[in-house]
Amino acid sequence: MTRFSRMTVPAVLASLGILAAGSALAQAKPSFESLDKNGDGKISLSEASNDDALFVAFKSLDSNKDGELTREEFAKYK
């Protein structure tokens, strides 16, 4: 008998629910305000580095190539 065969169906379902919730939280998009650390209304590359996925996507989101993301540019971040 394996350790998994001793788990009840409700225990397995509860575990899966916890994993799914954790995954959703890990993928939650940060708010513009939480990334705009200096409050200037723009997100710099340095500020974007606080979110790995945003940092990677920064260049493609910066449509006017000024090195900063406006609210409109950030809105395209998924």
PDB file of N, CA and C in Angstrom:
ATOM      1  N   MET A   1       0.848  -1.181   0.000  1.00  0.00           N
ATOM      2  CA  MET A   1       0.000   0.000   0.000  1.00  0.00           C
ATOM      3  C   MET A   1       0.895   1.247   0.000  1.00  0.00           C
ATOM      4  N   THR A   2       0.602   2.179  -0.879  1.00  0.00           N
ATOM      5  CA  THR A   2       1.376   3.417  -0.943  1.00  0.00           C
ATOM      6  C   THR A   2       0.776   4.448  -0.008  1.00  0.00           C
ATOM      7  N   ARG A   3       1.515   5.484   0.256  1.00  0.00           N
ATOM      8  CA  ARG A   3       1.002   6.526   1.154  1.00  0.00           C
ATOM      9  C   ARG A   3      -0.196   7.245   0.549  1.00  0.00           C
ATOM     10  N   PHE A   4      -0.294   7.255  -0.778  1.00  0.00           N
ATOM     11  CA  PHE A   4      -1.413   7.924  -1.420  1.00  0.00           C
ATOM     12  C   PHE A   4      -2.703   7.121  -1.308  1.00  0.00           C
ATOM     13  N   SER A   5      -2.584   5.818  -1.221  1.00  0.00           N
ATOM     14  CA  SER A   5      -3.796   5.004  -1.129  1.00  0.00           C
ATOM     15  C   SER A   5      -4.480   5.165   0.214  1.00  0.00           C
ATOM     16  N   ARG A   6      -3.804   5.747   1.191  1.00  0.00           N
ATOM     17  CA  ARG A   6      -4.408   5.965   2.505  1.00  0.00           C
ATOM     18  C   ARG A   6      -5.168   7.281   2.597  1.00  0.00           C
ATOM     19  N   MET A   7      -5.048   8.122   1.585  1.00  0.00           N
ATOM     20  CA  MET A   7      -5.745   9.404   1.616  1.00  0.00           C
ATOM     21  C   MET A   7      -7.202   9.205   1.217  1.00  0.00           C
ATOM     22  N   THR A   8      -8.063   9.894   1.896  1.00  0.00           N
ATOM     23  CA  THR A   8      -9.479   9.820   1.556  1.00  0.00           C
ATOM     24  C   THR A   8      -9.756  10.751   0.383  1.00  0.00           C
ATOM     25  N   VAL A   9     -10.851  10.509  -0.282  1.00  0.00           N
ATOM     26  CA  VAL A   9     -11.240  11.348  -1.412  1.00  0.00           C
ATOM     27  C   VAL A   9     -11.379  12.811  -0.982  1.00  0.00           C
ATOM     28  N   PRO A  10     -12.065  13.110   0.125  1.00  0.00           N
ATOM     29  CA  PRO A  10     -12.154  14.520   0.543  1.00  0.00           C
ATOM     30  C   PRO A  10     -10.783  15.139   0.824  1.00  0.00           C
ATOM     31  N   ALA A  11      -9.852  14.370   1.366  1.00  0.00           N
ATOM     32  CA  ALA A  11      -8.516  14.894   1.643  1.00  0.00           C
ATOM     33  C   ALA A  11      -7.782  15.221   0.346  1.00  0.00           C
ATOM     34  N   VAL A  12      -7.924  14.357  -0.638  1.00  0.00           N
ATOM     35  CA  VAL A  12      -7.289  14.601  -1.939  1.00  0.00           C
ATOM     36  C   VAL A  12      -7.887  15.842  -2.584  1.00  0.00           C
ATOM     37  N   LEU A  13      -9.194  15.957  -2.566  1.00  0.00           N
ATOM     38  CA  LEU A  13      -9.855  17.124  -3.165  1.00  0.00           C
ATOM     39  C   LEU A  13      -9.462  18.408  -2.445  1.00  0.00           C
ATOM     40  N   ALA A  14      -9.376  18.345  -1.124  1.00  0.00           N
ATOM     41  CA  ALA A  14      -8.973  19.528  -0.353  1.00  0.00           C
ATOM     42  C   ALA A  14      -7.550  19.929  -0.716  1.00  0.00           C
ATOM     43  N   SER A  15      -6.662  18.961  -0.871  1.00  0.00           N
ATOM     44  CA  SER A  15      -5.274  19.250  -1.245  1.00  0.00           C
ATOM     45  C   SER A  15      -5.204  19.897  -2.617  1.00  0.00           C
ATOM     46  N   LEU A  16      -5.977  19.391  -3.549  1.00  0.00           N
ATOM     47  CA  LEU A  16      -5.994  19.973  -4.893  1.00  0.00           C
ATOM     48  C   LEU A  16      -6.518  21.398  -4.869  1.00  0.00           C
ATOM     49  N   GLY A  17      -7.513  21.659  -4.045  1.00  0.00           N
ATOM     50  CA  GLY A  17      -8.053  23.011  -3.919  1.00  0.00           C
ATOM     51  C   GLY A  17      -7.025  23.980  -3.383  1.00  0.00           C
ATOM     52  N   ILE A  18      -6.235  23.548  -2.421  1.00  0.00           N
ATOM     53  CA  ILE A  18      -5.182  24.398  -1.863  1.00  0.00           C
ATOM     54  C   ILE A  18      -4.120  24.679  -2.919  1.00  0.00           C
ATOM     55  N   LEU A  19      -3.746  23.653  -3.673  1.00  0.00           N
ATOM     56  CA  LEU A  19      -2.757  23.854  -4.736  1.00  0.00           C
ATOM     57  C   LEU A  19      -3.271  24.812  -5.798  1.00  0.00           C
ATOM     58  N   ALA A  20      -4.528  24.671  -6.178  1.00  0.00           N
ATOM     59  CA  ALA A  20      -5.105  25.550  -7.197  1.00  0.00           C
ATOM     60  C   ALA A  20      -5.151  26.984  -6.699  1.00  0.00           C
ATOM     61  N   ALA A  21      -5.519  27.182  -5.448  1.00  0.00           N
ATOM     62  CA  ALA A  21      -5.579  28.535  -4.886  1.00  0.00           C
ATOM     63  C   ALA A  21      -4.189  29.149  -4.841  1.00  0.00           C
ATOM     64  N   GLY A  22      -3.196  28.371  -4.456  1.00  0.00           N
ATOM     65  CA  GLY A  22      -1.825  28.866  -4.412  1.00  0.00           C
ATOM     66  C   GLY A  22      -1.320  29.244  -5.788  1.00  0.00           C
ATOM     67  N   SER A  23      -1.666  28.463  -6.778  1.00  0.00           N
ATOM     68  CA  SER A  23      -1.255  28.749  -8.145  1.00  0.00           C
ATOM     69  C   SER A  23      -1.893  30.039  -8.643  1.00  0.00           C
ATOM     70  N   ALA A  24      -3.153  30.250  -8.326  1.00  0.00           N
ATOM     71  CA  ALA A  24      -3.843  31.477  -8.736  1.00  0.00           C
ATOM     72  C   ALA A  24      -3.208  32.696  -8.084  1.00  0.00           C
ATOM     73  N   LEU A  25      -2.838  32.572  -6.823  1.00  0.00           N
ATOM     74  CA  LEU A  25      -2.205  33.695  -6.134  1.00  0.00           C
ATOM     75  C   LEU A  25      -0.836  33.995  -6.728  1.00  0.00           C
ATOM     76  N   ALA A  26      -0.111  32.962  -7.078  1.00  0.00           N
ATOM     77  CA  ALA A  26       1.217  33.154  -7.642  1.00  0.00           C
ATOM     78  C   ALA A  26       1.152  33.842  -8.997  1.00  0.00           C
ATOM     79  N   GLN A  27       0.045  33.700  -9.700  1.00  0.00           N
ATOM     80  CA  GLN A  27      -0.088  34.285 -11.021  1.00  0.00           C
ATOM     81  C   GLN A  27      -0.840  35.609 -11.011  1.00  0.00           C
ATOM     82  N   ALA A  28      -1.220  36.095  -9.847  1.00  0.00           N
ATOM     83  CA  ALA A  28      -1.974  37.333  -9.764  1.00  0.00           C
ATOM     84  C   ALA A  28      -1.119  38.504 -10.256  1.00  0.00           C
ATOM     85  N   LYS A  29      -1.700  39.338 -11.065  1.00  0.00           N
ATOM     86  CA  LYS A  29      -1.012  40.506 -11.611  1.00  0.00           C
ATOM     87  C   LYS A  29      -0.923  41.586 -10.529  1.00  0.00           C
ATOM     88  N   PRO A  30       0.255  42.131 -10.299  1.00  0.00           N
ATOM     89  CA  PRO A  30       0.377  43.210  -9.317  1.00  0.00           C
ATOM     90  C   PRO A  30      -0.316  44.474  -9.826  1.00  0.00           C
ATOM     91  N   SER A  31      -0.714  45.328  -8.930  1.00  0.00           N
ATOM     92  CA  SER A  31      -1.367  46.567  -9.343  1.00  0.00           C
ATOM     93  C   SER A  31      -0.326  47.581  -9.817  1.00  0.00           C
ATOM     94  N   PHE A  32      -0.768  48.499 -10.634  1.00  0.00           N
ATOM     95  CA  PHE A  32       0.097  49.572 -11.119  1.00  0.00           C
ATOM     96  C   PHE A  32       0.676  50.338  -9.923  1.00  0.00           C
ATOM     97  N   GLU A  33      -0.185  50.646  -8.961  1.00  0.00           N
ATOM     98  CA  GLU A  33       0.231  51.419  -7.791  1.00  0.00           C
ATOM     99  C   GLU A  33       1.287  50.707  -6.967  1.00  0.00           C
ATOM    100  N   SER A  34       1.158  49.384  -6.844  1.00  0.00           N
ATOM    101  CA  SER A  34       2.132  48.647  -6.029  1.00  0.00           C
ATOM    102  C   SER A  34       3.509  48.617  -6.692  1.00  0.00           C
ATOM    103  N   LEU A  35       3.565  48.745  -7.996  1.00  0.00           N
ATOM    104  CA  LEU A  35       4.843  48.744  -8.707  1.00  0.00           C
ATOM    105  C   LEU A  35       5.443  50.137  -8.860  1.00  0.00           C
ATOM    106  N   ASP A  36       4.593  51.152  -8.884  1.00  0.00           N
ATOM    107  CA  ASP A  36       5.056  52.545  -9.031  1.00  0.00           C
ATOM    108  C   ASP A  36       5.527  53.043  -7.665  1.00  0.00           C
ATOM    109  N   LYS A  37       6.713  52.598  -7.275  1.00  0.00           N
ATOM    110  CA  LYS A  37       7.229  52.862  -5.926  1.00  0.00           C
ATOM    111  C   LYS A  37       7.438  54.345  -5.629  1.00  0.00           C
ATOM    112  N   ASN A  38       7.822  55.130  -6.620  1.00  0.00           N
ATOM    113  CA  ASN A  38       8.073  56.553  -6.353  1.00  0.00           C
ATOM    114  C   ASN A  38       6.850  57.434  -6.611  1.00  0.00           C
ATOM    115  N   GLY A  39       5.752  56.833  -7.056  1.00  0.00           N
ATOM    116  CA  GLY A  39       4.501  57.568  -7.218  1.00  0.00           C
ATOM    117  C   GLY A  39       4.488  58.588  -8.339  1.00  0.00           C
ATOM    118  N   ASP A  40       5.335  58.404  -9.348  1.00  0.00           N
ATOM    119  CA  ASP A  40       5.383  59.385 -10.439  1.00  0.00           C
ATOM    120  C   ASP A  40       4.403  59.091 -11.569  1.00  0.00           C
ATOM    121  N   GLY A  41       3.593  58.053 -11.413  1.00  0.00           N
ATOM    122  CA  GLY A  41       2.605  57.730 -12.436  1.00  0.00           C
ATOM    123  C   GLY A  41       3.151  56.906 -13.582  1.00  0.00           C
ATOM    124  N   LYS A  42       4.372  56.391 -13.426  1.00  0.00           N
ATOM    125  CA  LYS A  42       5.007  55.566 -14.454  1.00  0.00           C
ATOM    126  C   LYS A  42       5.761  54.437 -13.753  1.00  0.00           C
ATOM    127  N   ILE A  43       5.969  53.337 -14.479  1.00  0.00           N
ATOM    128  CA  ILE A  43       6.762  52.227 -13.949  1.00  0.00           C
ATOM    129  C   ILE A  43       8.056  52.163 -14.749  1.00  0.00           C
ATOM    130  N   SER A  44       9.161  52.352 -14.054  1.00  0.00           N
ATOM    131  CA  SER A  44      10.472  52.267 -14.701  1.00  0.00           C
ATOM    132  C   SER A  44      10.885  50.802 -14.797  1.00  0.00           C
ATOM    133  N   LEU A  45      11.927  50.546 -15.546  1.00  0.00           N
ATOM    134  CA  LEU A  45      12.447  49.185 -15.650  1.00  0.00           C
ATOM    135  C   LEU A  45      12.896  48.692 -14.271  1.00  0.00           C
ATOM    136  N   SER A  46      13.481  49.583 -13.502  1.00  0.00           N
ATOM    137  CA  SER A  46      13.910  49.231 -12.151  1.00  0.00           C
ATOM    138  C   SER A  46      12.717  48.836 -11.283  1.00  0.00           C
ATOM    139  N   GLU A  47      11.629  49.592 -11.364  1.00  0.00           N
ATOM    140  CA  GLU A  47      10.425  49.265 -10.600  1.00  0.00           C
ATOM    141  C   GLU A  47       9.801  47.962 -11.105  1.00  0.00           C
ATOM    142  N   ALA A  48       9.849  47.746 -12.407  1.00  0.00           N
ATOM    143  CA  ALA A  48       9.287  46.527 -12.998  1.00  0.00           C
ATOM    144  C   ALA A  48      10.059  45.290 -12.563  1.00  0.00           C
ATOM    145  N   SER A  49      11.303  45.460 -12.167  1.00  0.00           N
ATOM    146  CA  SER A  49      12.117  44.311 -11.770  1.00  0.00           C
ATOM    147  C   SER A  49      11.593  43.634 -10.507  1.00  0.00           C
ATOM    148  N   ASN A  50      10.640  44.256  -9.826  1.00  0.00           N
ATOM    149  CA  ASN A  50      10.020  43.638  -8.651  1.00  0.00           C
ATOM    150  C   ASN A  50       9.027  42.540  -9.036  1.00  0.00           C
ATOM    151  N   ASP A  51       8.710  42.418 -10.312  1.00  0.00           N
ATOM    152  CA  ASP A  51       7.821  41.374 -10.815  1.00  0.00           C
ATOM    153  C   ASP A  51       8.512  40.723 -12.011  1.00  0.00           C
ATOM    154  N   ASP A  52       8.915  39.477 -11.847  1.00  0.00           N
ATOM    155  CA  ASP A  52       9.712  38.803 -12.885  1.00  0.00           C
ATOM    156  C   ASP A  52       9.042  38.816 -14.252  1.00  0.00           C
ATOM    157  N   ALA A  53       7.764  38.479 -14.298  1.00  0.00           N
ATOM    158  CA  ALA A  53       7.068  38.395 -15.589  1.00  0.00           C
ATOM    159  C   ALA A  53       6.958  39.778 -16.246  1.00  0.00           C
ATOM    160  N   LEU A  54       6.696  40.803 -15.456  1.00  0.00           N
ATOM    161  CA  LEU A  54       6.618  42.156 -16.006  1.00  0.00           C
ATOM    162  C   LEU A  54       7.988  42.594 -16.517  1.00  0.00           C
ATOM    163  N   PHE A  55       9.022  42.276 -15.780  1.00  0.00           N
ATOM    164  CA  PHE A  55      10.378  42.629 -16.195  1.00  0.00           C
ATOM    165  C   PHE A  55      10.693  42.027 -17.566  1.00  0.00           C
ATOM    166  N   VAL A  56      10.313  40.776 -17.760  1.00  0.00           N
ATOM    167  CA  VAL A  56      10.557  40.094 -19.035  1.00  0.00           C
ATOM    168  C   VAL A  56       9.730  40.738 -20.150  1.00  0.00           C
ATOM    169  N   ALA A  57       8.490  41.135 -19.843  1.00  0.00           N
ATOM    170  CA  ALA A  57       7.584  41.695 -20.859  1.00  0.00           C
ATOM    171  C   ALA A  57       7.774  43.196 -21.071  1.00  0.00           C
ATOM    172  N   PHE A  58       8.577  43.842 -20.247  1.00  0.00           N
ATOM    173  CA  PHE A  58       8.687  45.303 -20.230  1.00  0.00           C
ATOM    174  C   PHE A  58       8.935  45.899 -21.609  1.00  0.00           C
ATOM    175  N   LYS A  59       9.922  45.396 -22.317  1.00  0.00           N
ATOM    176  CA  LYS A  59      10.308  45.967 -23.614  1.00  0.00           C
ATOM    177  C   LYS A  59       9.151  45.931 -24.609  1.00  0.00           C
ATOM    178  N   SER A  60       8.411  44.840 -24.627  1.00  0.00           N
ATOM    179  CA  SER A  60       7.298  44.748 -25.574  1.00  0.00           C
ATOM    180  C   SER A  60       6.107  45.605 -25.144  1.00  0.00           C
ATOM    181  N   LEU A  61       5.960  45.855 -23.854  1.00  0.00           N
ATOM    182  CA  LEU A  61       4.856  46.691 -23.362  1.00  0.00           C
ATOM    183  C   LEU A  61       5.142  48.184 -23.553  1.00  0.00           C
ATOM    184  N   ASP A  62       6.403  48.556 -23.530  1.00  0.00           N
ATOM    185  CA  ASP A  62       6.805  49.960 -23.655  1.00  0.00           C
ATOM    186  C   ASP A  62       6.677  50.394 -25.117  1.00  0.00           C
ATOM    187  N   SER A  63       5.450  50.663 -25.533  1.00  0.00           N
ATOM    188  CA  SER A  63       5.169  50.905 -26.959  1.00  0.00           C
ATOM    189  C   SER A  63       5.864  52.147 -27.519  1.00  0.00           C
ATOM    190  N   ASN A  64       6.072  53.188 -26.715  1.00  0.00           N
ATOM    191  CA  ASN A  64       6.752  54.375 -27.229  1.00  0.00           C
ATOM    192  C   ASN A  64       8.259  54.356 -26.948  1.00  0.00           C
ATOM    193  N   LYS A  65       8.740  53.265 -26.383  1.00  0.00           N
ATOM    194  CA  LYS A  65      10.173  53.025 -26.146  1.00  0.00           C
ATOM    195  C   LYS A  65      10.861  54.148 -25.370  1.00  0.00           C
ATOM    196  N   ASP A  66      10.142  54.669 -24.346  1.00  0.00           N
ATOM    197  CA  ASP A  66      10.745  55.716 -23.523  1.00  0.00           C
ATOM    198  C   ASP A  66      11.345  55.182 -22.222  1.00  0.00           C
ATOM    199  N   GLY A  67      11.307  53.872 -22.033  1.00  0.00           N
ATOM    200  CA  GLY A  67      11.897  53.275 -20.836  1.00  0.00           C
ATOM    201  C   GLY A  67      11.004  53.300 -19.621  1.00  0.00           C
ATOM    202  N   GLU A  68       9.746  53.650 -19.811  1.00  0.00           N
ATOM    203  CA  GLU A  68       8.776  53.681 -18.711  1.00  0.00           C
ATOM    204  C   GLU A  68       7.435  53.175 -19.212  1.00  0.00           C
ATOM    205  N   LEU A  69       6.670  52.583 -18.290  1.00  0.00           N
ATOM    206  CA  LEU A  69       5.325  52.134 -18.639  1.00  0.00           C
ATOM    207  C   LEU A  69       4.296  53.090 -18.054  1.00  0.00           C
ATOM    208  N   THR A  70       3.424  53.574 -18.907  1.00  0.00           N
ATOM    209  CA  THR A  70       2.292  54.373 -18.456  1.00  0.00           C
ATOM    210  C   THR A  70       1.184  53.416 -18.016  1.00  0.00           C
ATOM    211  N   ARG A  71       0.132  53.949 -17.435  1.00  0.00           N
ATOM    212  CA  ARG A  71      -1.022  53.109 -17.070  1.00  0.00           C
ATOM    213  C   ARG A  71      -1.581  52.380 -18.295  1.00  0.00           C
ATOM    214  N   GLU A  72      -1.627  53.079 -19.410  1.00  0.00           N
ATOM    215  CA  GLU A  72      -2.164  52.486 -20.634  1.00  0.00           C
ATOM    216  C   GLU A  72      -1.290  51.338 -21.125  1.00  0.00           C
ATOM    217  N   GLU A  73       0.003  51.521 -21.098  1.00  0.00           N
ATOM    218  CA  GLU A  73       0.917  50.453 -21.513  1.00  0.00           C
ATOM    219  C   GLU A  73       0.839  49.281 -20.538  1.00  0.00           C
ATOM    220  N   PHE A  74       0.795  49.578 -19.252  1.00  0.00           N
ATOM    221  CA  PHE A  74       0.710  48.529 -18.227  1.00  0.00           C
ATOM    222  C   PHE A  74      -0.602  47.744 -18.348  1.00  0.00           C
ATOM    223  N   ALA A  75      -1.658  48.391 -18.779  1.00  0.00           N
ATOM    224  CA  ALA A  75      -2.968  47.737 -18.910  1.00  0.00           C
ATOM    225  C   ALA A  75      -2.914  46.567 -19.894  1.00  0.00           C
ATOM    226  N   LYS A  76      -1.952  46.578 -20.790  1.00  0.00           N
ATOM    227  CA  LYS A  76      -1.812  45.481 -21.768  1.00  0.00           C
ATOM    228  C   LYS A  76      -1.094  44.279 -21.187  1.00  0.00           C
ATOM    229  N   TYR A  77      -0.549  44.433 -19.965  1.00  0.00           N
ATOM    230  CA  TYR A  77       0.160  43.346 -19.291  1.00  0.00           C
ATOM    231  C   TYR A  77      -0.839  42.338 -18.756  1.00  0.00           C
ATOM    232  N   LYS A  78      -0.653  41.074 -19.094  1.00  0.00           N
ATOM    233  CA  LYS A  78      -1.580  40.029 -18.660  1.00  0.00           C
ATOM    234  C   LYS A  78      -0.947  39.156 -17.619  1.00  0.00           C
TER     235      LYS A  78
END
